[in-house]
Amino acid sequence: MKTVGVDLAAEPAKTAVATVAWEHGTATVQELRLGATDPDVVNAVAAADRTGIDAPFGWPDAFVDFVGAHHRLEYSRERALSSRAGRLPLVRRLTDRVVHAGTGIVPLSVSADLIAHVALRCAGLLAELDAVGVDVDRVDGTVVEVYPAAALQGWGLPFKGYKSAKNREARAASVAALERALPGLRLGGFRDLCVASDDAFDAVVAGLVARAAALGRATRPDAAQRAVAVREGWIHLPLCGIRELL
């Protein structure tokens, strides 16, 4: 099996793509690219069995409905927006609320944070992937939405404090902890890049979560949740121990 992990950013400079080959009890990082363009991402995904992308696949239903009504000069919900509770349905997807309830981590809001730029790029990539025949169902597709920090937390690994250039030492410790937790992981010549770049490190983790999804060992919505998730997207979190990926 071959999986791909994508740590998507609004621009190629901070976009990382990792390709992981799974065989004989090992997970070998065959390629890890920082500065990935849309064609780089599409080509890697098209060659993989399963891909995990760290980016929102959609927007909250309530936000979409609100923007449409507001654009049509239909004022109704505006009166409820003066409080955080009133705005919550517009800024948190169902999957965001599920992840928060299960992990305590609050995913960035696709409609009220800078990650919206990433989501717009992701929407374009999903369209490109669909055009080349990749299944982009937002729940059960070949490409799944992932959240590296929450996955690391679920595996009992350091999941915060490793972002940005100033935290290189903490990131080096995170890379070492991941290697200890998954003895079959082979970073090879890409280990230094994982230490140097949190984007590269997250891309590798996204590739590991893609493996969990491929094995049917990741969270999925129930029937009622799926009706919403097919529009808003669904964050796949691993349900298995990290060594079970092998």
Protein backbone atom coordinates (compact mmCIF):
# COMPACT_ATOMS: atom_id res chain seq x y z
CA MET A 1 0.00 0.00 0.00
CA LYS A 2 1.08 3.55 -0.68
CA THR A 3 -0.34 6.50 1.24
CA VAL A 4 0.19 10.21 0.85
CA GLY A 5 0.00 12.95 3.45
CA VAL A 6 -0.52 16.59 2.52
CA ASP A 7 0.02 19.48 4.90
CA LEU A 8 -1.78 22.07 2.82
CA ALA A 9 -1.13 25.80 3.03
CA ALA A 10 -2.61 28.68 1.09
CA GLU A 11 0.56 28.89 -1.02
CA PRO A 12 3.00 26.24 -2.25
CA ALA A 13 5.93 27.52 -0.14
CA LYS A 14 4.56 25.99 3.06
CA THR A 15 2.77 23.02 1.47
CA ALA A 16 4.37 19.65 2.14
CA VAL A 17 3.62 16.27 0.54
CA ALA A 18 4.83 12.93 1.91
CA THR A 19 4.60 9.56 0.18
CA VAL A 20 4.76 6.51 2.47
CA ALA A 21 5.17 2.90 1.27
CA TRP A 22 3.84 0.17 3.58
CA GLU A 23 5.33 -3.30 3.21
CA HIS A 24 6.97 -6.05 5.29
CA GLY A 25 6.17 -4.33 8.59
CA THR A 26 7.75 -1.02 7.63
CA ALA A 27 6.51 2.44 6.68
CA THR A 28 9.09 4.00 4.40
CA VAL A 29 8.92 7.66 3.48
CA GLN A 30 9.76 7.45 -0.21
CA GLU A 31 9.36 11.15 -0.96
CA LEU A 32 8.88 14.29 1.09
CA ARG A 33 8.54 17.58 -0.72
CA LEU A 34 8.21 21.06 0.74
CA GLY A 35 7.02 23.79 -1.62
CA ALA A 36 4.47 21.57 -3.39
CA THR A 37 2.42 23.08 -6.20
CA ASP A 38 -1.08 21.96 -7.15
CA PRO A 39 0.28 19.64 -9.90
CA ASP A 40 2.70 18.13 -7.35
CA VAL A 41 -0.20 17.37 -5.00
CA VAL A 42 -2.45 16.00 -7.75
CA ASN A 43 0.27 13.73 -9.15
CA ALA A 44 1.14 12.33 -5.70
CA VAL A 45 -2.50 11.74 -4.74
CA ALA A 46 -3.35 10.10 -8.06
CA ALA A 47 -0.54 7.56 -7.52
CA ALA A 48 -1.57 6.66 -3.95
CA ASP A 49 -4.05 4.19 -2.48
CA ARG A 50 -5.23 6.66 0.17
CA THR A 51 -4.39 10.27 0.98
CA GLY A 52 -4.83 12.41 4.08
CA ILE A 53 -5.05 16.17 3.61
CA ASP A 54 -4.74 18.55 6.55
CA ALA A 55 -7.29 21.13 5.41
CA PRO A 56 -11.05 21.63 5.77
CA PHE A 57 -13.05 20.02 2.98
CA GLY A 58 -16.10 22.25 3.40
CA TRP A 59 -17.91 24.99 5.31
CA PRO A 60 -20.59 24.80 8.03
CA ASP A 61 -24.08 24.35 6.60
CA ALA A 62 -25.35 27.22 8.74
CA PHE A 63 -22.60 29.51 7.42
CA VAL A 64 -23.40 28.67 3.81
CA ASP A 65 -27.12 29.28 4.40
CA PHE A 66 -26.42 32.53 6.22
CA VAL A 67 -24.15 33.96 3.53
CA GLY A 68 -26.68 33.09 0.82
CA ALA A 69 -29.55 34.70 2.71
CA HIS A 70 -27.49 37.77 3.59
CA HIS A 71 -26.50 38.16 -0.06
CA ARG A 72 -30.18 38.07 -1.02
CA LEU A 73 -30.87 40.82 1.57
CA GLU A 74 -32.86 38.36 3.67
CA TYR A 75 -32.18 39.38 7.25
CA SER A 76 -33.13 36.85 9.88
CA ARG A 77 -30.17 35.24 11.62
CA GLU A 78 -28.27 38.51 12.04
CA ARG A 79 -30.10 39.22 15.29
CA ALA A 80 -28.46 36.14 16.86
CA LEU A 81 -24.89 37.07 15.96
CA SER A 82 -24.17 39.39 18.88
CA SER A 83 -23.10 36.47 21.10
CA ARG A 84 -20.48 33.75 20.72
CA ALA A 85 -23.17 31.09 21.21
CA GLY A 86 -25.21 32.58 18.40
CA ARG A 87 -22.22 32.57 16.05
CA LEU A 88 -21.05 29.04 16.92
CA PRO A 89 -23.11 27.18 14.26
CA LEU A 90 -21.60 29.47 11.62
CA VAL A 91 -17.98 28.98 12.66
CA ARG A 92 -17.83 25.30 13.71
CA ARG A 93 -18.67 22.37 11.48
CA LEU A 94 -20.24 19.24 12.89
CA THR A 95 -16.90 17.42 12.62
CA ASP A 96 -15.15 20.28 14.47
CA ARG A 97 -17.58 19.91 17.35
CA VAL A 98 -17.14 16.11 17.39
CA VAL A 99 -13.33 16.45 17.48
CA HIS A 100 -13.54 19.04 20.25
CA ALA A 101 -15.82 16.83 22.33
CA GLY A 102 -13.56 13.81 21.90
CA THR A 103 -10.13 15.39 22.22
CA GLY A 104 -10.50 18.78 23.84
CA ILE A 105 -8.76 20.32 20.82
CA VAL A 106 -10.65 23.01 18.92
CA PRO A 107 -9.96 22.87 15.15
CA LEU A 108 -9.41 26.20 13.43
CA SER A 109 -12.62 27.69 12.04
CA VAL A 110 -12.89 27.45 8.26
CA SER A 111 -15.25 30.44 8.20
CA ALA A 112 -13.66 32.68 10.85
CA ASP A 113 -9.90 32.12 10.73
CA LEU A 114 -6.97 32.38 8.31
CA ILE A 115 -7.39 28.69 7.48
CA ALA A 116 -10.19 29.82 5.16
CA HIS A 117 -7.51 30.60 2.58
CA VAL A 118 -6.28 27.02 2.87
CA ALA A 119 -9.84 25.72 2.47
CA LEU A 120 -10.28 27.70 -0.74
CA ARG A 121 -7.13 26.14 -2.18
CA CYS A 122 -8.31 22.73 -0.99
CA ALA A 123 -11.63 23.20 -2.78
CA GLY A 124 -9.74 23.86 -5.99
CA LEU A 125 -7.55 20.79 -5.48
CA LEU A 126 -10.56 18.56 -4.83
CA ALA A 127 -12.04 19.77 -8.12
CA GLU A 128 -8.78 19.00 -9.94
CA LEU A 129 -8.59 15.55 -8.36
CA ASP A 130 -12.18 14.83 -9.31
CA ALA A 131 -11.35 15.79 -12.89
CA VAL A 132 -8.61 13.11 -13.05
CA GLY A 133 -10.83 10.40 -11.59
CA VAL A 134 -9.91 10.48 -7.89
CA ASP A 135 -12.82 9.75 -5.55
CA VAL A 136 -13.28 12.94 -3.53
CA ASP A 137 -16.33 11.96 -1.48
CA ARG A 138 -15.87 14.10 1.63
CA VAL A 139 -16.45 11.15 3.96
CA ASP A 140 -15.52 7.91 2.20
CA GLY A 141 -13.33 9.08 -0.66
CA THR A 142 -9.80 8.10 -1.61
CA VAL A 143 -8.85 11.46 -0.12
CA VAL A 144 -9.75 12.08 3.53
CA GLU A 145 -9.55 15.10 5.79
CA VAL A 146 -7.10 14.66 8.67
CA TYR A 147 -5.88 16.61 11.71
CA PRO A 148 -2.27 15.71 12.62
CA ALA A 149 -2.29 17.31 16.10
CA ALA A 150 -5.38 15.39 17.19
CA ALA A 151 -3.97 12.17 15.72
CA LEU A 152 -0.71 12.61 17.66
CA GLN A 153 -2.68 13.23 20.84
CA GLY A 154 -4.68 10.04 20.27
CA TRP A 155 -1.45 8.09 19.89
CA GLY A 156 -0.10 9.53 23.15
CA LEU A 157 2.57 11.58 21.39
CA PRO A 158 3.56 15.26 21.78
CA PHE A 159 0.94 17.21 19.84
CA LYS A 160 1.65 20.86 20.59
CA GLY A 161 4.60 23.17 21.00
CA TYR A 162 6.44 21.94 17.89
CA LYS A 163 5.17 24.50 15.37
CA SER A 164 7.26 27.34 13.90
CA ALA A 165 10.99 27.72 13.30
CA LYS A 166 11.71 28.80 16.88
CA ASN A 167 10.52 25.45 18.23
CA ARG A 168 12.99 23.31 16.30
CA GLU A 169 14.23 21.60 19.49
CA ALA A 170 10.71 20.58 20.47
CA ARG A 171 10.07 19.37 16.93
CA ALA A 172 13.21 17.25 17.01
CA ALA A 173 11.87 15.64 20.18
CA SER A 174 8.52 15.04 18.47
CA VAL A 175 10.21 13.37 15.51
CA ALA A 176 12.20 11.12 17.86
CA ALA A 177 9.05 10.26 19.83
CA LEU A 178 7.25 9.29 16.61
CA GLU A 179 10.15 7.03 15.60
CA ARG A 180 10.11 5.31 18.98
CA ALA A 181 6.35 4.83 18.85
CA LEU A 182 6.47 3.39 15.32
CA PRO A 183 9.67 1.34 15.04
CA GLY A 184 8.90 0.44 11.43
CA LEU A 185 8.96 4.08 10.34
CA ARG A 186 11.81 4.79 7.95
CA LEU A 187 12.36 8.52 7.47
CA GLY A 188 15.72 8.00 5.81
CA GLY A 189 17.21 11.11 4.29
CA PHE A 190 14.02 13.06 4.99
CA ARG A 191 14.47 13.06 8.77
CA ASP A 192 16.32 16.38 8.79
CA LEU A 193 13.52 17.99 6.80
CA CYS A 194 10.98 16.80 9.37
CA VAL A 195 13.05 18.43 12.09
CA ALA A 196 13.54 21.61 10.08
CA SER A 197 9.89 22.02 9.01
CA ASP A 198 6.70 21.43 10.96
CA ASP A 199 4.91 21.34 7.61
CA ALA A 200 7.02 18.38 6.49
CA PHE A 201 6.51 16.63 9.83
CA ASP A 202 2.74 17.12 9.66
CA ALA A 203 2.69 15.77 6.11
CA VAL A 204 4.27 12.52 7.34
CA VAL A 205 1.73 12.28 10.16
CA ALA A 206 -1.08 12.90 7.66
CA GLY A 207 0.26 9.98 5.63
CA LEU A 208 0.10 7.76 8.71
CA VAL A 209 -3.51 8.75 9.36
CA ALA A 210 -4.32 7.94 5.74
CA ARG A 211 -3.12 4.41 6.49
CA ALA A 212 -5.54 4.19 9.43
CA ALA A 213 -8.37 5.30 7.13
CA ALA A 214 -7.35 2.73 4.51
CA LEU A 215 -7.46 -0.02 7.14
CA GLY A 216 -10.93 1.05 8.27
CA ARG A 217 -9.48 2.12 11.62
CA ALA A 218 -10.44 5.80 11.60
CA THR A 219 -13.50 7.64 12.88
CA ARG A 220 -16.50 7.83 10.60
CA PRO A 221 -19.82 9.63 11.03
CA ASP A 222 -22.97 7.78 11.94
CA ALA A 223 -25.94 7.84 9.56
CA ALA A 224 -27.33 11.12 10.89
CA GLN A 225 -23.91 12.81 10.92
CA ARG A 226 -23.06 11.60 7.42
CA ALA A 227 -25.91 13.59 5.90
CA VAL A 228 -24.10 16.72 7.04
CA ALA A 229 -20.50 15.49 6.67
CA VAL A 230 -20.86 14.84 2.93
CA ARG A 231 -21.18 18.62 2.55
CA GLU A 232 -19.08 19.98 5.42
CA GLY A 233 -16.31 17.36 5.42
CA TRP A 234 -15.27 14.91 8.14
CA ILE A 235 -12.02 14.77 10.12
CA HIS A 236 -10.72 11.19 10.24
CA LEU A 237 -9.01 10.39 13.53
CA PRO A 238 -7.21 7.06 14.05
CA LEU A 239 -9.02 4.49 16.18
CA CYS A 240 -6.03 2.15 16.44
CA GLY A 241 -2.70 2.26 18.22
CA ILE A 242 0.06 3.61 16.05
CA ARG A 243 1.90 0.24 15.86
CA GLU A 244 -1.26 -1.37 14.51
CA LEU A 245 -0.71 0.63 11.32
CA LEU A 246 2.05 -1.82 10.45
